[in-house]
């Protein structure tokens, strides 16, 4: 039986979602299938599931943060991706960015938008919840930022992001990055190996 395209539920606020995004192109080439990117609001998922970011949950836990750093090093080596640059403005409120992602999807420029937004969050980090800074950053990446942010304010775009987020929670999602192959859910960048194996 042919597997459906893998889904990648993402929020730009997650550095691990950024690393997953960087690893995905090589996986797509190997499996011959393109990932379906689904914008969700991580803050909404956290609220609905009573979850918190690793920055909060790992505070004061001995050895776990160090292990996760080691795990990230292994991931970078395995998938041949470059590490992120910590965003000094973290946590960044991504509501407007994620709404604009839905607008970009509607306008057929999601791939370019995702590349640009992740770049300005985790390669050359900026305060991307400042509308002026975000607009300048995206425009410098060749996007019509004014049009995308105008689209982000449309009721149907806002409703679509809410629907994506509520649907994610209903399917069992509690964080980002999360992947689906059909009904099979995979959480965390390390499980990209398992996603790839579904197409073996």
Foldseek 3Di string as FASTA:
>chain_A
DDWDAKEWEDFLQDQQLLLLVQLQVVLCVVLVGHYHYFYAQLVLLCVVVVHDDCVPVVVPPPPPVVVVVVVVVVSCVVRVHDHWDAAPLPPARRLLVSLLLLVCVVVVNNVLSVVQSNCCCTVVDDNCNPLVVVLVSSVVSVDNSVVSSVSSPDPVSSVSNVVSHVVCVVLPDRGPGWMDTDSDIDHTSVCVVVVSVVSD
